[in-house]
């Protein structure tokens, strides 16, 4: 496995694609659990998830909000359609799996975007996107996630 360093990463945590995927997966599971059939994401939760995507500009934030809104609508529609039947429970389980996977992909893209933004605009001194995900996981589970 190729473990390289980016100049923005915390020295205690080498860059590792498997660890990034695991960390993003943990965070995605937490975000997916925030959504229910009757309770939308709060504005604070939405800003948290948009922030973890490190879009780097107002236009990028608008794009991230659009993706987040579509993600939430798809999941909410599936949860709302649950009638308690076996087939319905299967659809809900699949919708949650798909939502978690989609959020994981958005958060993985956020790692890449955060590193790029830091290199281009902040001379490598901006917030470490991996550390922000670790903090998010720790805040919502009490665990720091993979290192």
Foldseek 3Di string as FASTA:
>chain_A
DDFDAQLQDDPVDTDDPVQLLQLLLLLLLVLLVCAALPDADDPVSLVLLLVLLQLPDPVRSVVSSVVVVVLNVQLNVLRNPQPPDPVSVVSNVVSSVVSSVVSSVSNSNSQVNNSVSCVPPVVSHDHRSSQSSQVSSCVRPVHRGDD
